[in-house]
N, C-alpha and C. Protein backbone atom coordinates (compact mmCIF):
# COMPACT_ATOMS: atom_id res chain seq x y z
N MET A 1 199.76 149.99 277.23
CA MET A 1 199.10 148.99 276.41
C MET A 1 197.69 149.69 276.24
N THR A 2 197.18 149.64 275.24
CA THR A 2 195.77 149.95 274.84
C THR A 2 194.85 148.93 274.46
N THR A 3 193.61 149.20 274.93
CA THR A 3 192.68 148.03 274.58
C THR A 3 191.63 148.87 273.65
N ILE A 4 190.87 147.86 273.09
CA ILE A 4 189.87 148.35 272.12
C ILE A 4 188.91 149.53 272.94
N ALA A 5 188.52 149.38 273.84
CA ALA A 5 187.62 150.39 274.60
C ALA A 5 188.37 151.75 275.02
N ASP A 6 189.82 151.58 274.93
CA ASP A 6 190.38 152.81 275.38
C ASP A 6 190.82 153.68 274.18
N ARG A 7 190.74 153.16 272.93
CA ARG A 7 190.85 153.86 271.55
C ARG A 7 190.34 155.28 271.54
N GLY A 8 190.89 156.35 271.23
CA GLY A 8 190.28 157.43 271.16
C GLY A 8 189.96 158.35 272.08
N ARG A 9 190.21 157.55 273.52
CA ARG A 9 189.77 158.28 274.70
C ARG A 9 191.25 159.06 275.28
N PRO A 10 191.14 160.13 275.69
CA PRO A 10 192.46 160.59 276.37
C PRO A 10 192.72 159.96 277.56
N ARG A 11 193.85 159.54 277.85
CA ARG A 11 194.18 158.96 279.23
C ARG A 11 194.23 159.88 280.46
N ARG A 12 193.22 159.75 281.47
CA ARG A 12 193.13 160.60 282.68
C ARG A 12 194.45 160.03 283.65
N ARG A 13 195.21 161.23 284.06
CA ARG A 13 196.21 160.88 284.85
C ARG A 13 195.93 161.74 286.29
N LEU A 14 196.33 160.90 287.28
CA LEU A 14 196.17 161.41 288.70
C LEU A 14 196.90 162.59 288.78
N SER A 15 196.41 163.50 289.70
CA SER A 15 196.93 164.73 289.91
C SER A 15 198.03 164.53 290.70
N THR A 16 199.12 165.46 290.84
CA THR A 16 200.28 165.37 291.48
C THR A 16 199.93 165.45 292.97
N THR A 17 199.06 166.12 293.35
CA THR A 17 198.71 166.00 294.85
C THR A 17 198.09 164.81 295.43
N LEU A 18 197.36 164.26 294.53
CA LEU A 18 196.75 162.92 294.71
C LEU A 18 197.57 161.63 294.67
N ARG A 19 198.68 161.97 293.87
CA ARG A 19 199.63 160.90 293.63
C ARG A 19 200.70 160.83 295.20
N ARG A 20 200.76 162.27 295.56
CA ARG A 20 201.61 162.45 297.10
C ARG A 20 200.90 161.80 298.11
N VAL A 21 199.70 162.02 297.93
CA VAL A 21 198.54 161.57 299.19
C VAL A 21 198.55 160.09 299.12
N LEU A 22 198.56 159.69 297.93
CA LEU A 22 198.67 158.10 298.03
C LEU A 22 199.96 157.36 298.39
N ARG A 23 201.01 157.96 297.97
CA ARG A 23 202.40 157.31 298.46
C ARG A 23 202.45 157.68 299.78
N GLY A 24 202.15 158.86 300.42
CA GLY A 24 202.19 158.92 301.85
C GLY A 24 201.37 158.14 302.77
N ALA A 25 199.92 157.78 302.09
CA ALA A 25 199.24 156.50 302.85
C ALA A 25 199.71 155.31 302.75
N LEU A 26 200.52 155.03 301.55
CA LEU A 26 200.88 153.62 301.54
C LEU A 26 202.05 153.52 302.39
N ALA A 27 203.10 154.66 302.42
CA ALA A 27 203.99 154.64 303.36
C ALA A 27 203.81 154.59 305.01
N VAL A 28 202.69 155.16 305.03
CA VAL A 28 202.04 154.85 306.44
C VAL A 28 201.69 153.52 306.91
N CYS A 29 200.95 152.93 305.80
CA CYS A 29 200.30 151.63 306.17
C CYS A 29 201.52 150.50 306.15
N LEU A 30 202.70 150.67 305.38
CA LEU A 30 203.72 149.74 305.23
C LEU A 30 204.52 149.93 306.69
N THR A 31 204.51 151.12 307.23
CA THR A 31 205.30 151.68 308.36
C THR A 31 204.43 150.76 309.37
N VAL A 32 203.26 151.05 309.39
CA VAL A 32 202.64 150.36 310.76
C VAL A 32 202.49 148.89 310.65
N LEU A 33 202.43 148.32 309.25
CA LEU A 33 202.77 146.98 309.06
C LEU A 33 203.96 146.40 309.79
N ALA A 34 205.11 146.95 309.45
CA ALA A 34 206.41 146.60 309.68
C ALA A 34 206.38 146.87 311.25
N LEU A 35 206.03 147.88 311.82
CA LEU A 35 205.92 148.02 313.34
C LEU A 35 205.39 146.68 313.99
N ALA A 36 204.00 146.65 313.32
CA ALA A 36 203.21 145.41 313.98
C ALA A 36 204.10 144.23 313.95
N ALA A 37 204.81 143.94 312.87
CA ALA A 37 205.45 142.64 312.75
C ALA A 37 206.69 142.61 313.87
N VAL A 38 207.24 143.73 313.95
CA VAL A 38 208.21 143.63 314.97
C VAL A 38 207.87 143.53 316.39
N LEU A 39 206.60 144.02 316.97
CA LEU A 39 205.80 143.61 318.14
C LEU A 39 205.21 142.39 318.43
N PHE A 40 204.97 141.90 316.95
CA PHE A 40 204.42 140.53 317.26
C PHE A 40 205.75 139.65 317.51
N ALA A 41 206.69 139.93 316.75
CA ALA A 41 208.15 139.06 316.92
C ALA A 41 208.47 139.05 318.50
N VAL A 42 208.47 140.42 319.15
CA VAL A 42 209.05 140.51 320.51
C VAL A 42 207.98 140.07 321.34
N VAL A 43 206.86 139.77 321.14
CA VAL A 43 205.70 139.29 322.33
C VAL A 43 205.82 137.70 321.98
N TRP A 44 205.86 137.56 320.79
CA TRP A 44 206.05 135.84 320.53
C TRP A 44 207.12 135.36 321.26
N ARG A 45 208.31 135.87 321.11
CA ARG A 45 209.46 135.54 321.75
C ARG A 45 209.44 135.59 323.12
N GLU A 46 208.72 136.61 323.79
CA GLU A 46 208.71 136.58 325.42
C GLU A 46 207.67 135.66 325.69
N MET A 47 206.60 135.12 324.77
CA MET A 47 205.56 134.55 325.42
C MET A 47 205.93 132.94 325.22
N SER A 48 206.76 132.67 324.23
CA SER A 48 207.35 131.30 323.97
C SER A 48 208.49 131.14 324.71
N ARG A 49 209.11 131.75 325.72
CA ARG A 49 210.16 131.41 326.15
C ARG A 49 210.05 130.20 327.09
N ALA A 50 211.13 129.64 327.54
CA ALA A 50 211.10 128.50 328.39
C ALA A 50 212.61 128.40 329.28
N ASP A 51 212.57 127.60 330.31
CA ASP A 51 213.70 127.29 330.88
C ASP A 51 214.24 125.94 330.71
N GLY A 52 213.57 125.28 330.12
CA GLY A 52 213.96 123.85 329.85
C GLY A 52 212.76 122.97 329.06
N GLU A 53 213.17 121.91 328.67
CA GLU A 53 212.34 120.78 327.95
C GLU A 53 212.24 119.57 328.50
N LEU A 54 211.39 118.79 328.34
CA LEU A 54 211.50 117.43 328.85
C LEU A 54 210.29 116.69 327.81
N VAL A 55 210.64 115.66 327.52
CA VAL A 55 209.80 114.83 326.49
C VAL A 55 208.92 113.86 327.47
N VAL A 56 207.55 114.00 327.04
CA VAL A 56 206.84 113.14 327.73
C VAL A 56 205.81 112.45 326.64
N GLY A 57 205.55 110.89 326.68
CA GLY A 57 204.90 110.29 325.56
C GLY A 57 205.30 110.75 324.35
N GLY A 58 206.56 111.02 324.05
CA GLY A 58 207.15 111.36 322.79
C GLY A 58 206.91 112.86 322.25
N GLU A 59 206.17 113.59 323.06
CA GLU A 59 206.05 115.12 322.85
C GLU A 59 206.88 115.85 323.85
N ARG A 60 207.68 116.86 323.00
CA ARG A 60 208.59 117.92 323.60
C ARG A 60 207.53 118.99 324.65
N ARG A 61 207.83 119.12 325.80
CA ARG A 61 207.22 119.83 326.92
C ARG A 61 208.09 120.86 327.43
N SER A 62 207.82 122.19 327.22
CA SER A 62 208.63 123.17 327.84
C SER A 62 207.94 123.41 329.34
N TYR A 63 208.90 124.21 330.01
CA TYR A 63 208.54 124.63 331.29
C TYR A 63 209.46 125.60 331.72
N LEU A 64 208.97 126.46 332.85
CA LEU A 64 209.31 127.64 333.34
C LEU A 64 209.69 127.43 334.72
N ILE A 65 210.39 127.97 335.50
CA ILE A 65 210.86 127.79 336.84
C ILE A 65 210.99 129.22 337.37
N HIS A 66 209.96 129.47 338.37
CA HIS A 66 209.98 130.65 339.13
C HIS A 66 210.26 130.41 340.60
N VAL A 67 211.27 131.08 340.87
CA VAL A 67 211.75 131.10 342.56
C VAL A 67 211.69 132.43 343.14
N PRO A 68 210.73 132.52 343.89
CA PRO A 68 210.29 133.83 344.74
C PRO A 68 211.42 134.49 345.37
N ALA A 69 211.52 135.48 345.35
CA ALA A 69 212.38 136.37 345.89
C ALA A 69 212.66 136.09 347.43
N SER A 70 211.54 135.89 348.06
CA SER A 70 211.82 135.43 349.53
C SER A 70 211.95 133.97 349.97
N TYR A 71 212.15 133.41 348.84
CA TYR A 71 212.75 131.88 348.94
C TYR A 71 213.91 131.93 349.89
N ASP A 72 213.99 130.99 350.94
CA ASP A 72 215.22 130.79 351.80
C ASP A 72 215.34 129.32 351.70
N ALA A 73 216.66 129.18 351.42
CA ALA A 73 216.93 127.49 351.22
C ALA A 73 217.13 126.78 352.68
N GLY A 74 217.19 127.62 353.66
CA GLY A 74 217.39 126.96 354.99
C GLY A 74 215.94 126.42 355.61
N LYS A 75 214.95 127.12 355.02
CA LYS A 75 213.62 126.77 355.47
C LYS A 75 212.81 125.92 354.51
N PRO A 76 212.08 124.84 355.16
CA PRO A 76 211.36 123.85 353.96
C PRO A 76 210.37 124.76 353.51
N THR A 77 209.97 124.67 352.09
CA THR A 77 209.24 125.18 351.36
C THR A 77 208.51 124.51 350.43
N PRO A 78 207.02 124.76 350.10
CA PRO A 78 206.41 124.01 349.52
C PRO A 78 206.62 124.17 347.95
N LEU A 79 206.43 122.92 347.17
CA LEU A 79 206.82 123.13 345.75
C LEU A 79 205.31 123.11 344.96
N VAL A 80 205.06 124.12 344.25
CA VAL A 80 203.69 124.54 343.44
C VAL A 80 204.09 124.12 342.02
N ILE A 81 203.26 123.46 341.55
CA ILE A 81 203.16 122.91 340.15
C ILE A 81 201.97 123.70 339.42
N SER A 82 202.25 124.48 338.49
CA SER A 82 201.34 124.79 337.80
C SER A 82 201.23 124.59 336.36
N ILE A 83 199.95 123.84 335.86
CA ILE A 83 200.14 123.11 334.66
C ILE A 83 198.87 124.13 333.81
N HIS A 84 199.29 124.84 332.67
CA HIS A 84 198.45 125.64 331.97
C HIS A 84 197.56 124.49 331.13
N GLY A 85 196.53 125.25 330.67
CA GLY A 85 195.65 124.68 329.86
C GLY A 85 195.95 124.47 328.46
N PHE A 86 195.18 123.68 327.47
CA PHE A 86 195.36 123.44 326.26
C PHE A 86 195.91 124.72 325.43
N ALA A 87 195.15 125.71 325.44
CA ALA A 87 195.31 126.76 324.61
C ALA A 87 196.27 127.75 325.16
N ASN A 88 196.94 127.39 326.37
CA ASN A 88 198.09 128.38 326.76
C ASN A 88 199.29 127.94 326.49
N TRP A 89 200.48 128.36 327.16
CA TRP A 89 201.74 128.22 327.09
C TRP A 89 202.39 128.71 328.39
N PRO A 90 203.58 128.24 328.83
CA PRO A 90 204.19 128.46 330.02
C PRO A 90 204.36 130.02 330.32
N ALA A 91 204.71 130.87 329.45
CA ALA A 91 204.91 132.21 329.95
C ALA A 91 203.56 132.77 329.89
N HIS A 92 202.63 132.34 329.37
CA HIS A 92 201.08 133.05 329.39
C HIS A 92 200.65 132.55 330.89
N GLN A 93 200.92 131.21 331.34
CA GLN A 93 200.12 130.80 332.39
C GLN A 93 200.96 131.57 333.59
N ALA A 94 202.30 132.10 333.41
CA ALA A 94 203.05 132.78 334.43
C ALA A 94 202.34 134.26 334.77
N LEU A 95 201.56 134.66 333.71
CA LEU A 95 201.04 136.10 333.71
C LEU A 95 199.84 135.85 334.75
N ASN A 96 199.22 134.77 334.88
CA ASN A 96 198.02 134.39 335.50
C ASN A 96 198.23 133.97 337.07
N ARG A 97 198.66 134.86 337.77
CA ARG A 97 199.11 134.85 338.85
C ARG A 97 197.87 135.24 339.96
N ARG A 98 197.33 134.32 340.91
CA ARG A 98 196.41 134.67 341.61
C ARG A 98 196.59 133.89 342.91
């Protein structure tokens, strides 16, 4: 479609080389976006995993259970409950071991 401003002017076309470069750059950008989306999905799935859920005050709460390899069922062992903060989630809290 031509406009009034385009009448009488020859159309400038992109060179073949420039078109190839632009197509390649677009392909790289789309590949990077696709890989980022896959990575985000994998991280999200791992970080949002839970061993179970319970309902407290009408809200669903998820939790993780960690049993150390050194656990011996025949010995009395303390129970440690670690509650994550507002902006965290169970799997993220598990990474903060100190």
